[in-house]
Amino acid sequence: MNDEALRRSVDAAILPLLLSLGPWGVEEGYWLPDRLGKPVLWLRTRTEIERVALEAQVWLLPQLAVLLARVGVPPTEVSRMRLEFTSGEAENRLFDEE
């Protein structure tokens, strides 16, 4: 699977993932390759408490794998994908002046 096809497939999985994780405070999701080209899916929650709670869930990676497989992402790419988390609160603190 080339990079463009992978991007389209992952993009197709993000909306259902966001809808299913809305009750956990997830507002946004996007994917970017890391410096080595490994795909990273970023999830953004509203609060730090929501981020910590979601990050601790053992079912999240398997759910992501199922969603990615449903949209045609090959298992080799699914196994390479990494999840990262951020929150609106943490991002806002980056711009707060002391």
Protein backbone atom coordinates (compact mmCIF):
# COMPACT_ATOMS: atom_id res chain seq x y z
CA MET A 1 0.00 0.00 0.00
CA ASN A 2 1.48 3.34 -1.00
CA ASP A 3 1.53 6.36 1.30
CA GLU A 4 -1.42 8.08 -0.38
CA ALA A 5 -3.62 4.97 -0.19
CA LEU A 6 -2.64 4.48 3.46
CA ARG A 7 -3.50 8.11 4.24
CA ARG A 8 -6.93 7.78 2.61
CA SER A 9 -7.67 4.55 4.47
CA VAL A 10 -6.63 5.97 7.83
CA ASP A 11 -8.63 9.14 7.15
CA ALA A 12 -11.68 6.96 6.46
CA ALA A 13 -11.26 5.28 9.87
CA ILE A 14 -10.82 8.50 11.85
CA LEU A 15 -14.46 9.69 11.72
CA PRO A 16 -15.95 6.44 13.10
CA LEU A 17 -13.20 6.38 15.72
CA LEU A 18 -13.98 9.94 16.79
CA LEU A 19 -17.69 9.19 16.96
CA SER A 20 -17.12 6.14 19.12
CA LEU A 21 -14.70 7.99 21.41
CA GLY A 22 -16.78 11.16 21.78
CA PRO A 23 -18.07 10.10 25.21
CA TRP A 24 -14.43 9.86 26.33
CA GLY A 25 -13.92 13.52 25.46
CA VAL A 26 -12.19 13.02 22.11
CA GLU A 27 -12.62 16.09 19.93
CA GLU A 28 -10.08 15.54 17.17
CA GLY A 29 -7.99 12.89 15.56
CA TYR A 30 -5.41 13.00 12.83
CA TRP A 31 -2.46 10.97 11.69
CA LEU A 32 1.05 11.99 10.78
CA PRO A 33 4.14 9.94 10.09
CA ASP A 34 6.89 10.24 12.70
CA ARG A 35 10.49 11.03 11.81
CA LEU A 36 11.09 7.44 10.74
CA GLY A 37 7.94 7.32 8.63
CA LYS A 38 6.00 5.18 11.12
CA PRO A 39 2.31 6.21 11.21
CA VAL A 40 1.13 7.94 14.39
CA LEU A 41 -2.54 8.54 15.17
CA TRP A 42 -3.07 11.53 17.46
CA LEU A 43 -6.22 11.82 19.56
CA ARG A 44 -7.13 15.09 21.27
CA THR A 45 -9.41 15.21 24.29
CA ARG A 46 -10.90 18.29 25.92
CA THR A 47 -9.31 17.79 29.35
CA GLU A 48 -6.23 16.19 30.85
CA ILE A 49 -8.43 13.94 33.00
CA GLU A 50 -10.14 12.61 29.87
CA ARG A 51 -6.76 12.09 28.20
CA VAL A 52 -5.38 10.10 31.14
CA ALA A 53 -8.54 7.99 31.39
CA LEU A 54 -8.59 7.21 27.67
CA GLU A 55 -4.87 6.50 27.50
CA ALA A 56 -5.30 3.84 30.21
CA GLN A 57 -7.96 1.87 28.29
CA VAL A 58 -6.68 -1.54 27.15
CA TRP A 59 -9.41 -1.92 24.51
CA LEU A 60 -8.41 1.18 22.54
CA LEU A 61 -5.63 -0.33 20.41
CA PRO A 62 -7.71 -3.41 19.46
CA GLN A 63 -10.64 -1.14 18.53
CA LEU A 64 -8.34 0.97 16.38
CA ALA A 65 -6.99 -2.18 14.70
CA VAL A 66 -10.51 -3.34 13.84
CA LEU A 67 -11.50 0.04 12.41
CA LEU A 68 -8.35 0.24 10.32
CA ALA A 69 -8.80 -3.30 9.03
CA ARG A 70 -12.42 -2.52 8.05
CA VAL A 71 -11.25 0.29 5.77
CA GLY A 72 -8.57 -1.84 4.14
CA VAL A 73 -5.39 -0.96 5.99
CA PRO A 74 -3.11 -4.02 5.76
CA PRO A 75 -2.23 -5.78 9.05
CA THR A 76 1.45 -4.91 8.58
CA GLU A 77 0.56 -1.21 8.60
CA VAL A 78 -1.90 -1.60 11.49
CA SER A 79 0.83 -3.17 13.63
CA ARG A 80 3.18 -0.25 12.88
CA MET A 81 0.64 2.41 13.92
CA ARG A 82 1.27 4.18 17.21
CA LEU A 83 -1.25 6.13 19.29
CA GLU A 84 -0.40 9.46 20.90
CA PHE A 85 -2.64 11.66 23.02
CA THR A 86 -2.98 15.32 23.76
CA SER A 87 -5.65 17.51 25.34
CA GLY A 88 -7.04 20.96 24.79
CA GLU A 89 -6.04 21.86 28.34
CA ALA A 90 -2.41 20.88 27.77
CA GLU A 91 -2.29 22.74 24.47
CA ASN A 92 -3.77 25.87 26.06
CA ARG A 93 -1.11 25.78 28.78
CA LEU A 94 1.57 25.99 26.09
CA PHE A 95 0.37 29.51 25.31
CA ASP A 96 -0.32 30.68 28.87
CA GLU A 97 2.01 33.34 30.10
CA GLU A 98 3.50 32.92 33.53
